[in-house]
Amino acid sequence: MEILAEEYQIQYDAASGTVRCQGSLRLAGTEEYAPVAKLLIDAAGQQPETMKLDLRQLQFLNSSGINMLSKFIVRVRQQGKPQITVLGSKGIPWQGKSLKNLQRLMPSLVLELEEEG
């Protein structure tokens, strides 16, 4: 499963249970984020034991995208699986601020923020 656009790419690797997001997500509202949300839900639906969200190459995610990601995390928490690991980068300003909030929504979420460079 993948979404390829000019500004961003999102790919799901079923073998590793990893969704990789790259580029800049500046979509307008829930409707435009629906294909991204569907990819995440479909990936979680394949029930990998651990699902990784690799955001280390995602330079920007607007508030609508953060909202979509938050709703996805809440949905996974309610279903009780899979375990979620989020990979981020301290070198990307929005990630250091926003990704920690996902742990508040799902305390079992594992957050790994890499140092810059």
C-alpha atoms as a PDB file:
ATOM      1  CA  MET A   1       0.000   0.000   0.000  1.00  0.00           C
ATOM      2  CA  GLU A   2       1.308   3.424  -0.837  1.00  0.00           C
ATOM      3  CA  ILE A   3       0.355   6.995  -1.581  1.00  0.00           C
ATOM      4  CA  LEU A   4       2.682   8.922  -3.857  1.00  0.00           C
ATOM      5  CA  ALA A   5       2.140  12.652  -4.291  1.00  0.00           C
ATOM      6  CA  GLU A   6       4.348  15.530  -5.338  1.00  0.00           C
ATOM      7  CA  GLU A   7       4.859  16.810  -1.781  1.00  0.00           C
ATOM      8  CA  TYR A   8       4.830  13.525   0.158  1.00  0.00           C
ATOM      9  CA  GLN A   9       5.052   9.741   0.028  1.00  0.00           C
ATOM     10  CA  ILE A  10       3.509   7.207   2.397  1.00  0.00           C
ATOM     11  CA  GLN A  11       4.367   3.526   2.081  1.00  0.00           C
ATOM     12  CA  TYR A  12       3.402   0.464   4.084  1.00  0.00           C
ATOM     13  CA  ASP A  13       5.814  -2.449   4.216  1.00  0.00           C
ATOM     14  CA  ALA A  14       3.796  -5.458   5.376  1.00  0.00           C
ATOM     15  CA  ALA A  15       6.919  -7.569   5.994  1.00  0.00           C
ATOM     16  CA  SER A  16       8.173  -5.192   8.690  1.00  0.00           C
ATOM     17  CA  GLY A  17       4.789  -3.720   9.697  1.00  0.00           C
ATOM     18  CA  THR A  18       6.185  -0.244   8.991  1.00  0.00           C
ATOM     19  CA  VAL A  19       4.446   2.817   7.562  1.00  0.00           C
ATOM     20  CA  ARG A  20       7.040   5.304   6.274  1.00  0.00           C
ATOM     21  CA  CYS A  21       6.038   8.928   5.740  1.00  0.00           C
ATOM     22  CA  GLN A  22       8.266  11.338   3.838  1.00  0.00           C
ATOM     23  CA  GLY A  23       8.002  14.908   2.664  1.00  0.00           C
ATOM     24  CA  SER A  24       5.523  17.522   3.745  1.00  0.00           C
ATOM     25  CA  LEU A  25       1.856  16.845   4.551  1.00  0.00           C
ATOM     26  CA  ARG A  26      -0.148  20.048   4.254  1.00  0.00           C
ATOM     27  CA  LEU A  27      -3.552  18.690   3.297  1.00  0.00           C
ATOM     28  CA  ALA A  28      -6.742  20.582   4.077  1.00  0.00           C
ATOM     29  CA  GLY A  29      -8.985  18.880   6.589  1.00  0.00           C
ATOM     30  CA  THR A  30     -10.392  15.450   7.272  1.00  0.00           C
ATOM     31  CA  GLU A  31     -11.571  14.806   3.716  1.00  0.00           C
ATOM     32  CA  GLU A  32      -8.150  15.296   2.138  1.00  0.00           C
ATOM     33  CA  TYR A  33      -6.515  13.181   4.861  1.00  0.00           C
ATOM     34  CA  ALA A  34      -9.021  10.323   4.356  1.00  0.00           C
ATOM     35  CA  PRO A  35      -6.732   8.275   2.036  1.00  0.00           C
ATOM     36  CA  VAL A  36      -3.862   8.588   4.547  1.00  0.00           C
ATOM     37  CA  ALA A  37      -6.141   7.551   7.426  1.00  0.00           C
ATOM     38  CA  LYS A  38      -7.418   4.605   5.349  1.00  0.00           C
ATOM     39  CA  LEU A  39      -3.872   3.425   4.652  1.00  0.00           C
ATOM     40  CA  LEU A  40      -3.065   3.539   8.386  1.00  0.00           C
ATOM     41  CA  ILE A  41      -6.274   1.711   9.328  1.00  0.00           C
ATOM     42  CA  ASP A  42      -5.757  -0.914   6.613  1.00  0.00           C
ATOM     43  CA  ALA A  43      -2.162  -1.442   7.750  1.00  0.00           C
ATOM     44  CA  ALA A  44      -3.276  -1.882  11.373  1.00  0.00           C
ATOM     45  CA  GLY A  45      -6.011  -4.214  10.117  1.00  0.00           C
ATOM     46  CA  GLN A  46      -3.344  -6.605   8.862  1.00  0.00           C
ATOM     47  CA  GLN A  47      -2.622  -7.068  12.564  1.00  0.00           C
ATOM     48  CA  PRO A  48       1.137  -6.955  12.757  1.00  0.00           C
ATOM     49  CA  GLU A  49       2.216  -7.583  16.344  1.00  0.00           C
ATOM     50  CA  THR A  50       3.997  -4.219  16.330  1.00  0.00           C
ATOM     51  CA  MET A  51       3.240  -1.476  13.844  1.00  0.00           C
ATOM     52  CA  LYS A  52       5.900   1.164  13.295  1.00  0.00           C
ATOM     53  CA  LEU A  53       5.145   4.674  12.115  1.00  0.00           C
ATOM     54  CA  ASP A  54       8.403   5.977  10.699  1.00  0.00           C
ATOM     55  CA  LEU A  55       8.068   9.765  10.584  1.00  0.00           C
ATOM     56  CA  ARG A  56      11.796  10.572  10.593  1.00  0.00           C
ATOM     57  CA  GLN A  57      11.629  11.903   7.025  1.00  0.00           C
ATOM     58  CA  LEU A  58       8.324  13.764   7.458  1.00  0.00           C
ATOM     59  CA  GLN A  59       9.435  17.387   7.518  1.00  0.00           C
ATOM     60  CA  PHE A  60       6.007  18.910   8.150  1.00  0.00           C
ATOM     61  CA  LEU A  61       2.584  17.772   9.336  1.00  0.00           C
ATOM     62  CA  ASN A  62      -0.135  20.392   9.775  1.00  0.00           C
ATOM     63  CA  SER A  63      -2.762  20.447  12.523  1.00  0.00           C
ATOM     64  CA  SER A  64      -5.264  18.518  10.369  1.00  0.00           C
ATOM     65  CA  GLY A  65      -2.662  15.787   9.922  1.00  0.00           C
ATOM     66  CA  ILE A  66      -1.847  15.696  13.630  1.00  0.00           C
ATOM     67  CA  ASN A  67      -5.597  15.397  14.315  1.00  0.00           C
ATOM     68  CA  MET A  68      -5.879  12.492  11.845  1.00  0.00           C
ATOM     69  CA  LEU A  69      -2.885  10.748  13.439  1.00  0.00           C
ATOM     70  CA  SER A  70      -4.342  11.278  16.923  1.00  0.00           C
ATOM     71  CA  LYS A  71      -7.675   9.754  15.886  1.00  0.00           C
ATOM     72  CA  PHE A  72      -5.847   6.756  14.430  1.00  0.00           C
ATOM     73  CA  ILE A  73      -3.914   6.234  17.688  1.00  0.00           C
ATOM     74  CA  VAL A  74      -7.132   6.419  19.737  1.00  0.00           C
ATOM     75  CA  ARG A  75      -8.771   3.874  17.423  1.00  0.00           C
ATOM     76  CA  VAL A  76      -5.851   1.449  17.799  1.00  0.00           C
ATOM     77  CA  ARG A  77      -5.889   1.920  21.583  1.00  0.00           C
ATOM     78  CA  GLN A  78      -9.598   1.085  21.688  1.00  0.00           C
ATOM     79  CA  GLN A  79      -9.044  -2.075  19.642  1.00  0.00           C
ATOM     80  CA  GLY A  80      -6.123  -3.084  21.844  1.00  0.00           C
ATOM     81  CA  LYS A  81      -3.764  -3.919  18.990  1.00  0.00           C
ATOM     82  CA  PRO A  82      -1.335  -3.662  17.355  1.00  0.00           C
ATOM     83  CA  GLN A  83       1.367  -2.233  19.588  1.00  0.00           C
ATOM     84  CA  ILE A  84       2.489   1.093  18.049  1.00  0.00           C
ATOM     85  CA  THR A  85       6.049   2.356  17.835  1.00  0.00           C
ATOM     86  CA  VAL A  86       6.575   5.875  16.462  1.00  0.00           C
ATOM     87  CA  LEU A  87       9.995   6.750  15.068  1.00  0.00           C
ATOM     88  CA  GLY A  88      10.700  10.468  14.926  1.00  0.00           C
ATOM     89  CA  SER A  89      13.498  13.001  14.818  1.00  0.00           C
ATOM     90  CA  LYS A  90      14.384  15.661  17.386  1.00  0.00           C
ATOM     91  CA  GLY A  91      15.784  17.669  14.474  1.00  0.00           C
ATOM     92  CA  ILE A  92      12.310  18.286  13.047  1.00  0.00           C
ATOM     93  CA  PRO A  93      10.598  20.917  15.248  1.00  0.00           C
ATOM     94  CA  TRP A  94       6.967  19.741  15.008  1.00  0.00           C
ATOM     95  CA  GLN A  95       7.904  16.187  15.981  1.00  0.00           C
ATOM     96  CA  GLY A  96       9.509  17.046  19.299  1.00  0.00           C
ATOM     97  CA  LYS A  97       6.392  18.968  20.321  1.00  0.00           C
ATOM     98  CA  SER A  98       3.547  16.915  18.866  1.00  0.00           C
ATOM     99  CA  LEU A  99       4.613  13.273  18.985  1.00  0.00           C
ATOM    100  CA  LYS A 100       4.834  13.205  22.782  1.00  0.00           C
ATOM    101  CA  ASN A 101       1.098  13.951  22.876  1.00  0.00           C
ATOM    102  CA  LEU A 102       0.424  10.607  21.170  1.00  0.00           C
ATOM    103  CA  GLN A 103       1.713   8.864  24.294  1.00  0.00           C
ATOM    104  CA  ARG A 104      -0.951  10.657  26.311  1.00  0.00           C
ATOM    105  CA  LEU A 105      -3.575   9.182  23.993  1.00  0.00           C
ATOM    106  CA  MET A 106      -2.030   5.699  24.123  1.00  0.00           C
ATOM    107  CA  PRO A 107       0.266   5.190  27.136  1.00  0.00           C
ATOM    108  CA  SER A 108       1.619   1.907  25.726  1.00  0.00           C
ATOM    109  CA  LEU A 109       2.853   3.683  22.578  1.00  0.00           C
ATOM    110  CA  VAL A 110       6.631   3.539  22.194  1.00  0.00           C
ATOM    111  CA  LEU A 111       8.160   6.824  21.035  1.00  0.00           C
ATOM    112  CA  GLU A 112      11.715   6.813  19.715  1.00  0.00           C
ATOM    113  CA  LEU A 113      13.046  10.273  18.878  1.00  0.00           C
ATOM    114  CA  GLU A 114      16.472  10.269  17.231  1.00  0.00           C
ATOM    115  CA  GLU A 115      19.003  12.998  17.744  1.00  0.00           C
ATOM    116  CA  GLU A 116      19.752  15.269  14.785  1.00  0.00           C
ATOM    117  CA  GLY A 117      22.073  14.124  12.028  1.00  0.00           C
END
